[in-house]
Amino acid sequence: MSTSEAPIVIVGTGLAGYTLAREIRKYDKSTSILMITADDGNSYSKPILSTGFQKEKTPDELVQFQADVMAERLDVELLTRSCVTGIDSESKQVLLDDERVSYNRLILACGASAIRLNLSGDGLKHVYSINNLMDYRAFRHALVGVDRVAIMGAGLIGCEFANDLRSGGYNVNVIAPSESVMPGLLPPIVGDRVIQSLRDEGVCFHLGVVVERIDETSDGLSLYLNSGEILEVDRVISAVGLRPNTVIAAEAGLDVAHGICVNRRLETSLPDIYALGDCAEVDGHVLPYVQPLMSCARALAKTLTGEPTDISYGAMPVMVKTPCCPTAAYPPPADVHGSWHVERASEDIKALFRGDDDKLLGFAITGEFMNEKQALTKELPPIHN
Protein backbone atom coordinates (compact mmCIF):
# COMPACT_ATOMS: atom_id res chain seq x y z
CA MET A 1 0.00 0.00 0.00
CA SER A 2 1.37 3.42 -0.93
CA THR A 3 1.26 6.08 1.75
CA SER A 4 -1.19 8.08 -0.35
CA GLU A 5 -3.62 5.16 -0.07
CA ALA A 6 -2.89 4.55 3.60
CA PRO A 7 -5.39 5.62 6.27
CA ILE A 8 -5.26 8.41 8.77
CA VAL A 9 -4.04 6.59 11.87
CA ILE A 10 -5.15 7.82 15.29
CA VAL A 11 -3.35 6.32 18.29
CA GLY A 12 -5.74 6.41 21.25
CA THR A 13 -9.49 6.08 21.71
CA GLY A 14 -9.93 8.37 24.67
CA LEU A 15 -11.88 11.60 24.48
CA ALA A 16 -9.21 13.16 22.23
CA GLY A 17 -9.06 10.33 19.71
CA TYR A 18 -12.80 9.76 19.38
CA THR A 19 -13.60 13.47 19.29
CA LEU A 20 -11.08 13.98 16.48
CA ALA A 21 -12.55 11.11 14.46
CA ARG A 22 -16.04 12.49 14.97
CA GLU A 23 -14.93 15.97 13.85
CA ILE A 24 -13.15 14.58 10.76
CA ARG A 25 -16.35 12.83 9.70
CA LYS A 26 -18.20 16.16 9.70
CA TYR A 27 -16.03 17.20 6.74
CA ASP A 28 -14.95 13.92 5.16
CA LYS A 29 -17.18 10.85 5.06
CA SER A 30 -14.92 8.60 3.01
CA THR A 31 -11.24 8.86 3.97
CA SER A 32 -10.06 5.69 5.70
CA ILE A 33 -9.38 6.08 9.42
CA LEU A 34 -7.66 3.47 11.55
CA MET A 35 -7.79 3.86 15.33
CA ILE A 36 -5.40 1.91 17.56
CA THR A 37 -5.85 1.56 21.29
CA ALA A 38 -4.24 -0.45 24.06
CA ASP A 39 -7.56 -0.84 25.89
CA ASP A 40 -10.99 -2.18 24.96
CA GLY A 41 -11.94 0.86 22.88
CA ASN A 42 -15.20 1.53 24.72
CA SER A 43 -16.21 5.19 24.72
CA TYR A 44 -16.60 7.03 28.00
CA SER A 45 -15.83 10.47 29.38
CA LYS A 46 -12.78 10.34 31.64
CA PRO A 47 -13.93 13.27 33.83
CA ILE A 48 -16.97 11.29 34.96
CA LEU A 49 -14.80 8.66 36.67
CA SER A 50 -14.79 10.86 39.79
CA THR A 51 -18.61 11.07 39.83
CA GLY A 52 -19.62 7.40 39.90
CA PHE A 53 -21.12 7.42 43.39
CA GLN A 54 -22.80 10.81 42.97
CA LYS A 55 -24.44 9.58 39.78
CA GLU A 56 -25.13 6.14 41.29
CA LYS A 57 -23.39 4.50 38.32
CA THR A 58 -21.41 1.29 38.18
CA PRO A 59 -18.23 1.25 36.06
CA ASP A 60 -20.08 -0.52 33.24
CA GLU A 61 -22.84 2.11 33.36
CA LEU A 62 -20.24 4.83 32.76
CA VAL A 63 -19.60 3.39 29.29
CA GLN A 64 -21.39 5.56 26.74
CA PHE A 65 -20.86 3.34 23.68
CA GLN A 66 -19.20 -0.01 23.12
CA ALA A 67 -16.19 -0.17 20.77
CA ASP A 68 -18.06 -1.87 17.93
CA VAL A 69 -20.76 0.80 18.06
CA MET A 70 -18.14 3.56 17.87
CA ALA A 71 -16.43 1.86 14.92
CA GLU A 72 -19.73 1.66 13.04
CA ARG A 73 -20.89 5.18 13.90
CA LEU A 74 -17.62 6.78 12.87
CA ASP A 75 -16.96 4.38 9.98
CA VAL A 76 -13.46 3.61 11.24
CA GLU A 77 -11.38 0.47 11.55
CA LEU A 78 -10.61 -0.14 15.21
CA LEU A 79 -7.72 -2.17 16.61
CA THR A 80 -8.26 -2.77 20.33
CA ARG A 81 -5.78 -4.10 22.90
CA SER A 82 -2.97 -3.25 20.48
CA CYS A 83 0.12 -1.43 21.69
CA VAL A 84 2.09 0.86 19.39
CA THR A 85 5.74 0.06 20.07
CA GLY A 86 7.38 2.47 17.68
CA ILE A 87 7.11 4.91 14.78
CA ASP A 88 9.09 4.72 11.54
CA SER A 89 8.62 8.24 10.24
CA GLU A 90 10.71 7.68 7.09
CA SER A 91 8.55 4.77 5.95
CA LYS A 92 5.41 6.40 7.45
CA GLN A 93 4.57 3.32 9.49
CA VAL A 94 3.67 2.56 13.09
CA LEU A 95 4.99 -0.59 14.71
CA LEU A 96 2.72 -3.01 16.55
CA ASP A 97 5.16 -5.56 17.93
CA ASP A 98 6.21 -7.42 14.73
CA GLU A 99 3.54 -5.83 12.54
CA ARG A 100 3.84 -2.58 10.59
CA VAL A 101 0.89 -0.36 9.71
CA SER A 102 1.24 2.38 7.09
CA TYR A 103 -0.24 5.82 7.63
CA ASN A 104 -0.96 8.78 5.43
CA ARG A 105 -1.02 11.02 8.48
CA LEU A 106 -0.47 9.96 12.07
CA ILE A 107 -2.16 11.52 15.08
CA LEU A 108 -0.88 10.79 18.58
CA ALA A 109 -3.71 11.02 21.10
CA CYS A 110 -2.06 8.68 23.56
CA GLY A 111 -2.83 10.56 26.77
CA ALA A 112 -0.87 10.63 29.99
CA SER A 113 0.10 8.11 32.66
CA ALA A 114 -0.26 8.35 36.42
CA ILE A 115 2.87 9.35 38.32
CA ARG A 116 4.00 6.60 40.69
CA LEU A 117 5.44 7.50 44.07
CA ASN A 118 8.51 5.67 45.34
CA LEU A 119 7.11 4.24 48.57
CA SER A 120 8.24 1.39 50.78
CA GLY A 121 6.20 -1.32 52.48
CA ASP A 122 4.39 -4.53 51.62
CA GLY A 123 0.97 -2.94 51.07
CA LEU A 124 1.63 -1.24 47.74
CA LYS A 125 -0.57 -3.67 45.81
CA HIS A 126 -3.53 -1.98 47.47
CA VAL A 127 -2.59 1.44 46.00
CA TYR A 128 -4.67 2.39 42.96
CA SER A 129 -4.07 5.06 40.34
CA ILE A 130 -7.27 5.82 38.44
CA ASN A 131 -6.45 7.06 34.96
CA ASN A 132 -8.97 5.19 32.81
CA LEU A 133 -12.11 3.11 33.04
CA MET A 134 -10.20 -0.15 33.47
CA ASP A 135 -8.36 1.35 36.46
CA TYR A 136 -11.65 2.58 37.87
CA ARG A 137 -13.31 -0.79 37.43
CA ALA A 138 -10.47 -2.49 39.32
CA PHE A 139 -10.69 0.08 42.12
CA ARG A 140 -14.45 -0.26 42.51
CA HIS A 141 -14.02 -4.04 42.70
CA ALA A 142 -11.38 -3.56 45.42
CA LEU A 143 -13.83 -1.47 47.49
CA VAL A 144 -16.23 -4.37 48.00
CA GLY A 145 -16.43 -5.13 51.71
CA VAL A 146 -14.26 -2.24 52.92
CA ASP A 147 -15.02 1.34 53.93
CA ARG A 148 -11.77 3.22 54.69
CA VAL A 149 -10.02 4.96 51.78
CA ALA A 150 -6.94 7.18 51.83
CA ILE A 151 -6.21 9.55 48.96
CA MET A 152 -2.63 10.66 48.38
CA GLY A 153 -2.85 14.04 46.67
CA ALA A 154 -5.10 17.06 47.16
CA GLY A 155 -5.25 18.31 43.60
CA LEU A 156 -8.32 18.45 41.39
CA ILE A 157 -8.69 14.67 41.06
CA GLY A 158 -7.97 13.96 44.72
CA CYS A 159 -10.62 16.41 45.90
CA GLU A 160 -13.20 15.18 43.40
CA PHE A 161 -12.68 11.57 44.46
CA ALA A 162 -12.84 12.58 48.13
CA ASN A 163 -16.27 14.16 47.60
CA ASP A 164 -17.48 11.25 45.48
CA LEU A 165 -16.33 8.55 47.90
CA ARG A 166 -18.01 10.34 50.80
CA SER A 167 -21.18 10.36 48.69
CA GLY A 168 -20.76 6.58 48.54
CA GLY A 169 -20.52 6.34 52.32
CA TYR A 170 -16.77 5.71 52.61
CA ASN A 171 -14.50 7.09 55.32
CA VAL A 172 -11.97 9.25 53.50
CA ASN A 173 -8.56 10.63 54.50
CA VAL A 174 -6.69 13.01 52.17
CA ILE A 175 -2.91 13.29 52.56
CA ALA A 176 -0.83 15.89 50.69
CA PRO A 177 2.40 17.89 51.10
CA SER A 178 0.65 21.18 50.29
CA GLU A 179 -0.90 23.37 52.98
CA SER A 180 -4.14 23.77 51.03
CA VAL A 181 -5.90 21.94 48.18
CA MET A 182 -5.46 22.40 44.43
CA PRO A 183 -2.56 24.85 44.96
CA GLY A 184 -1.89 25.14 41.23
CA LEU A 185 -5.49 26.05 40.55
CA LEU A 186 -6.87 27.93 43.56
CA PRO A 187 -5.56 30.71 45.81
CA PRO A 188 -5.29 29.45 49.41
CA ILE A 189 -8.39 31.32 50.61
CA VAL A 190 -10.54 29.47 48.07
CA GLY A 191 -8.74 26.19 48.64
CA ASP A 192 -9.48 26.53 52.35
CA ARG A 193 -13.16 27.01 51.56
CA VAL A 194 -13.15 23.72 49.63
CA ILE A 195 -11.38 22.03 52.55
CA GLN A 196 -13.99 23.22 55.02
CA SER A 197 -16.84 22.05 52.78
CA LEU A 198 -15.27 18.60 52.43
CA ARG A 199 -14.63 18.46 56.17
CA ASP A 200 -18.28 19.28 56.75
CA GLU A 201 -19.04 16.18 54.64
CA GLY A 202 -16.76 14.10 56.85
CA VAL A 203 -13.48 14.07 54.88
CA CYS A 204 -10.33 14.16 57.05
CA PHE A 205 -7.32 16.12 55.82
CA HIS A 206 -3.64 15.61 56.65
CA LEU A 207 -1.83 18.48 54.93
CA GLY A 208 1.84 19.41 54.91
CA VAL A 209 2.79 15.72 55.19
CA VAL A 210 3.49 12.75 52.91
CA VAL A 211 3.14 8.99 53.10
CA GLU A 212 6.47 7.22 53.52
CA ARG A 213 5.44 3.60 53.96
CA ILE A 214 2.37 1.39 53.47
CA ASP A 215 2.19 -1.94 55.27
CA GLU A 216 -0.43 -4.66 55.27
CA THR A 217 -2.03 -5.51 58.59
CA SER A 218 -4.52 -8.14 59.68
CA ASP A 219 -7.22 -5.48 59.46
CA GLY A 220 -6.19 -3.52 56.35
CA LEU A 221 -3.29 -1.13 55.81
CA SER A 222 -1.11 1.09 57.96
CA LEU A 223 0.04 4.34 56.34
CA TYR A 224 3.12 5.84 57.96
CA LEU A 225 3.31 9.63 57.51
CA ASN A 226 6.50 11.63 57.80
CA SER A 227 4.88 13.49 60.72
CA GLY A 228 4.97 10.29 62.74
CA GLU A 229 1.22 9.72 62.46
CA ILE A 230 -0.09 6.30 61.42
CA LEU A 231 -3.40 6.00 59.55
CA GLU A 232 -5.36 2.76 59.45
CA VAL A 233 -7.19 2.34 56.13
CA ASP A 234 -8.27 -0.37 53.68
CA ARG A 235 -7.45 1.00 50.23
CA VAL A 236 -5.37 3.88 48.83
CA ILE A 237 -5.80 6.10 45.78
CA SER A 238 -2.66 7.75 44.42
CA ALA A 239 -3.75 11.03 42.82
CA VAL A 240 -0.42 12.85 42.62
CA GLY A 241 -0.57 13.85 38.98
CA LEU A 242 -0.14 12.68 35.41
CA ARG A 243 2.82 12.64 33.05
CA PRO A 244 2.23 12.96 29.27
CA ASN A 245 3.05 9.79 27.34
CA THR A 246 6.04 10.86 25.26
CA VAL A 247 8.42 7.88 25.18
CA ILE A 248 7.49 6.49 21.77
CA ALA A 249 7.45 9.99 20.29
CA ALA A 250 10.89 10.76 21.68
CA GLU A 251 12.29 7.44 20.43
CA ALA A 252 10.98 8.31 16.97
CA GLY A 253 12.88 11.60 17.01
CA LEU A 254 9.98 13.97 17.69
CA ASP A 255 10.71 17.03 19.80
CA VAL A 256 9.54 16.45 23.37
CA ALA A 257 9.55 18.72 26.40
CA HIS A 258 6.92 18.25 29.10
CA GLY A 259 4.67 16.84 26.37
CA ILE A 260 5.01 16.10 22.66
CA CYS A 261 5.86 19.52 21.21
CA VAL A 262 3.43 20.78 18.58
CA ASN A 263 2.77 24.16 17.02
CA ARG A 264 -0.61 25.86 16.84
CA ARG A 265 -1.50 23.65 13.87
CA LEU A 266 -0.75 20.64 16.16
CA GLU A 267 2.13 19.58 13.90
CA THR A 268 5.04 17.80 15.55
CA SER A 269 8.65 18.31 14.48
CA LEU A 270 8.31 15.55 11.85
CA PRO A 271 6.08 15.78 8.77
CA ASP A 272 2.57 14.28 8.77
CA ILE A 273 2.64 13.52 12.49
CA TYR A 274 0.35 15.45 14.84
CA ALA A 275 -0.51 15.28 18.55
CA LEU A 276 -3.37 16.46 20.74
CA GLY A 277 -4.87 15.85 24.14
CA ASP A 278 -3.04 15.09 27.38
CA CYS A 279 0.13 13.94 25.59
CA ALA A 280 0.61 17.21 23.68
CA GLU A 281 2.38 20.45 24.51
CA VAL A 282 0.70 23.00 22.28
CA ASP A 283 2.89 26.03 21.62
CA GLY A 284 4.34 25.68 25.11
CA HIS A 285 1.06 24.91 26.90
CA VAL A 286 0.08 21.59 28.47
CA LEU A 287 -3.61 21.90 29.30
CA PRO A 288 -5.02 18.51 30.37
CA TYR A 289 -8.65 19.59 30.43
CA VAL A 290 -11.70 18.94 28.28
CA GLN A 291 -12.18 22.38 26.71
CA PRO A 292 -8.67 22.68 25.21
CA LEU A 293 -8.92 19.13 23.93
CA MET A 294 -12.20 19.87 22.15
CA SER A 295 -10.76 23.04 20.61
CA CYS A 296 -7.75 21.08 19.35
CA ALA A 297 -9.90 18.33 17.85
CA ARG A 298 -12.05 20.82 15.94
CA ALA A 299 -9.04 22.69 14.55
CA LEU A 300 -7.07 19.57 13.63
CA ALA A 301 -10.05 18.00 11.85
CA LYS A 302 -10.18 21.03 9.56
CA THR A 303 -6.44 20.82 8.92
CA LEU A 304 -6.59 17.12 8.08
CA THR A 305 -9.49 17.66 5.68
CA GLY A 306 -7.87 20.42 3.65
CA GLU A 307 -8.39 23.63 5.60
CA PRO A 308 -5.19 24.36 7.57
CA THR A 309 -6.33 25.81 10.88
CA ASP A 310 -4.36 27.15 13.83
CA ILE A 311 -5.64 26.38 17.28
CA SER A 312 -7.12 29.39 19.05
CA TYR A 313 -7.51 29.11 22.80
CA GLY A 314 -9.83 31.49 24.54
CA ALA A 315 -9.91 31.68 28.32
CA MET A 316 -11.08 28.30 29.61
CA PRO A 317 -11.94 28.07 33.31
CA VAL A 318 -11.78 24.73 35.07
CA MET A 319 -14.90 23.35 36.74
CA VAL A 320 -14.23 21.41 39.93
CA LYS A 321 -16.67 18.55 40.48
CA THR A 322 -17.10 18.91 44.25
CA PRO A 323 -20.87 19.23 44.75
CA CYS A 324 -20.38 20.13 48.42
CA CYS A 325 -18.60 23.27 47.22
CA PRO A 326 -19.20 24.08 43.53
CA THR A 327 -16.03 25.77 42.29
CA ALA A 328 -14.67 27.24 39.07
CA ALA A 329 -11.20 28.65 38.53
CA TYR A 330 -8.93 30.19 35.98
CA PRO A 331 -5.44 30.57 37.48
CA PRO A 332 -3.47 33.60 36.31
CA PRO A 333 -0.32 33.02 34.25
CA ALA A 334 2.68 32.32 36.46
CA ASP A 335 4.77 35.18 35.08
CA VAL A 336 2.33 38.09 35.59
CA HIS A 337 2.32 40.73 38.31
CA GLY A 338 -0.80 41.54 40.23
CA SER A 339 -2.80 40.67 43.33
CA TRP A 340 -5.90 38.83 44.50
CA HIS A 341 -9.02 40.75 45.49
CA VAL A 342 -11.50 38.81 47.61
CA GLU A 343 -15.23 39.25 48.10
CA ARG A 344 -17.36 37.10 50.40
CA ALA A 345 -21.06 36.32 50.53
CA SER A 346 -21.77 34.26 53.62
CA GLU A 347 -19.31 31.37 53.21
CA ASP A 348 -18.88 31.69 49.44
CA ILE A 349 -15.91 33.42 47.89
CA LYS A 350 -15.11 35.38 44.75
CA ALA A 351 -11.37 35.88 44.30
CA LEU A 352 -10.26 38.00 41.34
CA PHE A 353 -6.63 38.31 40.26
CA ARG A 354 -6.00 41.70 38.68
CA GLY A 355 -2.81 42.86 37.05
CA ASP A 356 -1.02 46.08 37.86
CA ASP A 357 -3.18 47.75 35.20
CA ASP A 358 -6.33 46.43 36.96
CA LYS A 359 -7.16 44.02 34.12
CA LEU A 360 -8.65 40.68 35.15
CA LEU A 361 -6.11 37.88 34.67
CA GLY A 362 -7.60 35.08 36.76
CA PHE A 363 -10.37 34.12 39.14
CA ALA A 364 -11.64 31.48 41.55
CA ILE A 365 -15.28 31.38 42.64
CA THR A 366 -17.48 29.17 44.79
CA GLY A 367 -21.14 28.66 45.55
CA GLU A 368 -23.48 31.51 44.69
CA PHE A 369 -20.73 33.32 42.76
CA MET A 370 -20.79 30.53 40.17
CA ASN A 371 -23.44 32.42 38.22
CA GLU A 372 -20.76 35.01 37.39
CA LYS A 373 -18.46 32.49 35.66
CA GLN A 374 -19.49 33.33 32.11
CA ALA A 375 -19.19 37.09 32.60
CA LEU A 376 -15.79 36.76 34.27
CA THR A 377 -14.53 34.47 31.53
CA LYS A 378 -15.46 37.04 28.87
CA GLU A 379 -13.38 39.61 30.70
CA LEU A 380 -10.22 37.47 30.58
CA PRO A 381 -7.62 37.73 27.81
CA PRO A 382 -7.35 34.68 25.52
CA ILE A 383 -4.48 32.23 25.84
CA HIS A 384 -4.01 32.37 22.07
CA ASN A 385 -5.58 34.91 19.73
Foldseek 3Di string as FASTA:
>chain_A
DAQVLAAAEEEDLEPLRLLLLVLLCVQDVDGAYEYEYLAQNFYAHQVCLLQCLVVVHALVRRGPGGRVVSCVVSVYHYHYNFDFPAAQQVRQWTDGPPDTGHHNFYEYAPAWADDDDDAAEDPCVQEAEDRDSVSSNVNVVLCPPFAFEEEEAQALSSLSNLLSSLSVVHQYEYEYLAPFHNVVWDDRLVRVLSVVLSVVSRYHYHYNKGFHYWYQDPQAIWTQIPVRDIDGGHGYYYDHDIQAPCVNVVVNPWDADSAGEAEQLQDIPRPSYGYAEQRYQYNNHRDRDDVQSSQNSNQNSCVVSPHRGGRWFAQDWDWRNNVSKTKIKGDFDPPFAFDWDWDDDVSWIWIFTAGPVRQTRMIMTIDPCVVCVVVSSVSHGGPGD
